[in-house]
C-alpha atoms as a PDB file:
ATOM      1  CA  MET A   1      49.467 149.124 -51.868  1.00  0.00           C
ATOM      2  CA  THR A   2      51.578 149.988 -54.867  1.00  0.00           C
ATOM      3  CA  ASP A   3      50.571 149.441 -58.486  1.00  0.00           C
ATOM      4  CA  LEU A   4      52.898 146.440 -58.582  1.00  0.00           C
ATOM      5  CA  SER A   5      51.303 144.954 -55.452  1.00  0.00           C
ATOM      6  CA  ASP A   6      47.839 145.445 -56.893  1.00  0.00           C
ATOM      7  CA  LEU A   7      48.926 143.843 -60.149  1.00  0.00           C
ATOM      8  CA  GLY A   8      50.349 140.944 -58.135  1.00  0.00           C
ATOM      9  CA  MET A   9      47.010 140.534 -56.353  1.00  0.00           C
ATOM     10  CA  LEU A  10      45.212 140.423 -59.708  1.00  0.00           C
ATOM     11  CA  VAL A  11      47.587 137.810 -61.111  1.00  0.00           C
ATOM     12  CA  GLY A  12      47.319 135.830 -57.865  1.00  0.00           C
ATOM     13  CA  ARG A  13      43.515 135.870 -58.121  1.00  0.00           C
ATOM     14  CA  VAL A  14      43.709 134.663 -61.722  1.00  0.00           C
ATOM     15  CA  PHE A  15      45.992 131.811 -60.665  1.00  0.00           C
ATOM     16  CA  LEU A  16      43.850 130.878 -57.648  1.00  0.00           C
ATOM     17  CA  SER A  17      40.601 130.914 -59.601  1.00  0.00           C
ATOM     18  CA  ALA A  18      41.903 128.976 -62.628  1.00  0.00           C
ATOM     19  CA  VAL A  19      41.821 125.546 -60.984  1.00  0.00           C
ATOM     20  CA  TYR A  20      38.260 125.997 -59.709  1.00  0.00           C
ATOM     21  CA  LEU A  21      36.903 127.424 -62.966  1.00  0.00           C
ATOM     22  CA  TYR A  22      38.538 124.686 -65.033  1.00  0.00           C
ATOM     23  CA  SER A  23      37.353 121.928 -62.715  1.00  0.00           C
ATOM     24  CA  GLY A  24      33.802 123.284 -62.533  1.00  0.00           C
ATOM     25  CA  ILE A  25      33.542 123.604 -66.326  1.00  0.00           C
ATOM     26  CA  ASP A  26      35.062 120.147 -66.785  1.00  0.00           C
ATOM     27  CA  LYS A  27      32.500 118.611 -64.388  1.00  0.00           C
ATOM     28  CA  LEU A  28      29.742 120.468 -66.215  1.00  0.00           C
ATOM     29  CA  ILE A  29      30.825 119.204 -69.647  1.00  0.00           C
ATOM     30  CA  HIS A  30      31.887 115.665 -68.659  1.00  0.00           C
ATOM     31  CA  ARG A  31      28.947 114.598 -66.517  1.00  0.00           C
ATOM     32  CA  ALA A  32      29.673 110.858 -66.450  1.00  0.00           C
ATOM     33  CA  ASP A  33      33.333 111.375 -65.543  1.00  0.00           C
ATOM     34  CA  ALA A  34      32.396 113.764 -62.725  1.00  0.00           C
ATOM     35  CA  ILE A  35      29.886 111.302 -61.303  1.00  0.00           C
ATOM     36  CA  ALA A  36      32.431 108.478 -61.552  1.00  0.00           C
ATOM     37  CA  GLU A  37      34.970 110.630 -59.670  1.00  0.00           C
ATOM     38  CA  LEU A  38      32.480 111.277 -56.865  1.00  0.00           C
ATOM     39  CA  LYS A  39      31.482 107.596 -56.747  1.00  0.00           C
ATOM     40  CA  ALA A  40      35.147 106.588 -56.463  1.00  0.00           C
ATOM     41  CA  LEU A  41      35.350 108.748 -53.337  1.00  0.00           C
ATOM     42  CA  LYS A  42      32.414 106.782 -51.907  1.00  0.00           C
ATOM     43  CA  LEU A  43      30.356 109.933 -51.481  1.00  0.00           C
ATOM     44  CA  PRO A  44      26.585 109.637 -51.117  1.00  0.00           C
ATOM     45  CA  SER A  45      24.346 110.630 -54.043  1.00  0.00           C
ATOM     46  CA  PRO A  46      27.035 111.606 -56.582  1.00  0.00           C
ATOM     47  CA  GLU A  47      24.348 112.611 -59.110  1.00  0.00           C
ATOM     48  CA  LEU A  48      22.951 115.124 -56.623  1.00  0.00           C
ATOM     49  CA  LEU A  49      26.340 116.200 -55.304  1.00  0.00           C
ATOM     50  CA  ARG A  50      27.770 117.024 -58.758  1.00  0.00           C
ATOM     51  CA  PRO A  51      25.692 120.220 -59.302  1.00  0.00           C
ATOM     52  CA  LEU A  52      26.615 121.456 -55.824  1.00  0.00           C
ATOM     53  CA  VAL A  53      30.327 120.904 -56.471  1.00  0.00           C
ATOM     54  CA  ILE A  54      30.026 122.654 -59.850  1.00  0.00           C
ATOM     55  CA  ALA A  55      28.184 125.591 -58.268  1.00  0.00           C
ATOM     56  CA  VAL A  56      30.798 126.000 -55.521  1.00  0.00           C
ATOM     57  CA  GLN A  57      33.713 125.789 -57.946  1.00  0.00           C
ATOM     58  CA  LEU A  58      32.265 128.143 -60.561  1.00  0.00           C
ATOM     59  CA  THR A  59      30.758 130.645 -58.127  1.00  0.00           C
ATOM     60  CA  GLY A  60      33.819 130.726 -55.879  1.00  0.00           C
ATOM     61  CA  GLY A  61      36.153 130.844 -58.876  1.00  0.00           C
ATOM     62  CA  LEU A  62      34.321 133.792 -60.432  1.00  0.00           C
ATOM     63  CA  ILE A  63      34.102 135.644 -57.125  1.00  0.00           C
ATOM     64  CA  VAL A  64      37.847 135.304 -56.610  1.00  0.00           C
ATOM     65  CA  LEU A  65      38.689 136.121 -60.229  1.00  0.00           C
ATOM     66  CA  LEU A  66      36.564 139.273 -60.337  1.00  0.00           C
ATOM     67  CA  GLY A  67      37.319 140.333 -56.787  1.00  0.00           C
ATOM     68  CA  VAL A  68      33.686 140.843 -55.831  1.00  0.00           C
ATOM     69  CA  GLN A  69      32.991 139.957 -52.187  1.00  0.00           C
ATOM     70  CA  SER A  70      36.330 138.218 -52.493  1.00  0.00           C
ATOM     71  CA  HIS A  71      36.653 137.412 -48.795  1.00  0.00           C
ATOM     72  CA  LEU A  72      33.451 135.347 -49.001  1.00  0.00           C
ATOM     73  CA  GLY A  73      34.617 133.561 -52.129  1.00  0.00           C
ATOM     74  CA  ALA A  74      37.983 132.862 -50.528  1.00  0.00           C
ATOM     75  CA  TRP A  75      36.356 131.361 -47.417  1.00  0.00           C
ATOM     76  CA  LEU A  76      33.961 129.306 -49.548  1.00  0.00           C
ATOM     77  CA  LEU A  77      36.788 127.848 -51.644  1.00  0.00           C
ATOM     78  CA  LEU A  78      39.023 127.366 -48.624  1.00  0.00           C
ATOM     79  CA  GLY A  79      36.366 125.287 -46.869  1.00  0.00           C
ATOM     80  CA  PHE A  80      35.647 123.328 -50.041  1.00  0.00           C
ATOM     81  CA  THR A  81      39.339 122.672 -50.680  1.00  0.00           C
ATOM     82  CA  ALA A  82      40.071 121.629 -47.104  1.00  0.00           C
ATOM     83  CA  LEU A  83      37.111 119.246 -47.073  1.00  0.00           C
ATOM     84  CA  ALA A  84      37.893 117.832 -50.521  1.00  0.00           C
ATOM     85  CA  THR A  85      41.508 117.266 -49.495  1.00  0.00           C
ATOM     86  CA  LEU A  86      40.487 115.393 -46.353  1.00  0.00           C
ATOM     87  CA  ILE A  87      38.069 113.235 -48.331  1.00  0.00           C
ATOM     88  CA  ALA A  88      40.147 112.533 -51.427  1.00  0.00           C
ATOM     89  CA  HIS A  89      43.790 112.494 -50.328  1.00  0.00           C
ATOM     90  CA  ARG A  90      44.388 110.132 -47.438  1.00  0.00           C
ATOM     91  CA  PRO A  91      48.074 109.218 -47.568  1.00  0.00           C
ATOM     92  CA  LEU A  92      47.880 106.737 -44.694  1.00  0.00           C
ATOM     93  CA  GLU A  93      45.732 104.505 -46.884  1.00  0.00           C
ATOM     94  CA  HIS A  94      48.611 104.158 -49.369  1.00  0.00           C
ATOM     95  CA  THR A  95      52.216 102.996 -49.367  1.00  0.00           C
ATOM     96  CA  GLY A  96      55.366 103.829 -51.300  1.00  0.00           C
ATOM     97  CA  PRO A  97      55.087 106.176 -54.289  1.00  0.00           C
ATOM     98  CA  ALA A  98      51.288 106.393 -54.009  1.00  0.00           C
ATOM     99  CA  ARG A  99      51.598 107.672 -50.435  1.00  0.00           C
ATOM    100  CA  ARG A 100      54.177 110.260 -51.433  1.00  0.00           C
ATOM    101  CA  MET A 101      51.943 111.388 -54.313  1.00  0.00           C
ATOM    102  CA  GLN A 102      48.949 111.806 -51.988  1.00  0.00           C
ATOM    103  CA  ILE A 103      51.077 113.785 -49.525  1.00  0.00           C
ATOM    104  CA  THR A 104      52.301 116.025 -52.344  1.00  0.00           C
ATOM    105  CA  ILE A 105      48.776 116.651 -53.621  1.00  0.00           C
ATOM    106  CA  ALA A 106      47.530 117.386 -50.084  1.00  0.00           C
ATOM    107  CA  LEU A 107      50.375 119.866 -49.582  1.00  0.00           C
ATOM    108  CA  GLU A 108      49.602 121.534 -52.920  1.00  0.00           C
ATOM    109  CA  HIS A 109      46.004 121.959 -51.765  1.00  0.00           C
ATOM    110  CA  LEU A 110      47.291 123.344 -48.484  1.00  0.00           C
ATOM    111  CA  ALA A 111      49.265 125.924 -50.478  1.00  0.00           C
ATOM    112  CA  ILE A 112      46.101 126.901 -52.350  1.00  0.00           C
ATOM    113  CA  CYS A 113      44.359 127.290 -48.969  1.00  0.00           C
ATOM    114  CA  GLY A 114      47.205 129.585 -47.922  1.00  0.00           C
ATOM    115  CA  GLY A 115      46.632 131.797 -50.947  1.00  0.00           C
ATOM    116  CA  LEU A 116      42.913 131.867 -50.216  1.00  0.00           C
ATOM    117  CA  LEU A 117      43.608 132.858 -46.600  1.00  0.00           C
ATOM    118  CA  LEU A 118      45.763 135.747 -47.780  1.00  0.00           C
ATOM    119  CA  LEU A 119      42.962 136.870 -50.079  1.00  0.00           C
ATOM    120  CA  ALA A 120      40.370 136.561 -47.289  1.00  0.00           C
ATOM    121  CA  PHE A 121      42.418 138.661 -44.860  1.00  0.00           C
ATOM    122  CA  PHE A 122      44.116 141.186 -47.144  1.00  0.00           C
ATOM    123  CA  GLY A 123      41.545 141.661 -49.900  1.00  0.00           C
ATOM    124  CA  PRO A 124      41.687 141.523 -53.668  1.00  0.00           C
ATOM    125  CA  GLY A 125      43.709 144.646 -54.363  1.00  0.00           C
ATOM    126  CA  ARG A 126      42.815 147.702 -56.405  1.00  0.00           C
ATOM    127  CA  TYR A 127      42.099 145.850 -59.659  1.00  0.00           C
ATOM    128  CA  SER A 128      38.848 144.321 -58.434  1.00  0.00           C
ATOM    129  CA  ILE A 129      35.138 144.970 -58.268  1.00  0.00           C
ATOM    130  CA  ASP A 130      35.392 145.220 -54.471  1.00  0.00           C
ATOM    131  CA  TRP A 131      37.813 148.137 -54.845  1.00  0.00           C
ATOM    132  CA  ALA A 132      35.760 149.824 -57.579  1.00  0.00           C
ATOM    133  CA  MET A 133      32.620 149.728 -55.402  1.00  0.00           C
ATOM    134  CA  ARG A 134      34.280 151.584 -52.482  1.00  0.00           C
END
């Protein structure tokens, strides 16, 4: 890889991790809102599920950001994102603009999964803990 490619991988990891870190911190700070979100999805035991979601988002986000065991973090977040998308964004249950919005959100999540796949298969680049530990 070139310096520019490695810099691109670092910036890509920052971008990929941002949504998970923000969401995990938000769920940590705004407990009632996080539980209400999980209840709205009709998930069992939202009070018990919330800490698990926070742990996945923060752990995966930090792993990707720092580039430490990044392939594992990428797979963790990819599985989480795919499952969350299937649970939360069901366009066939909507019509008109709401359906189009759900399709758009699902496709955005699919794009995030694509970035995570690239990270899982090609690694975090030189500016990472994985690289430093070689």
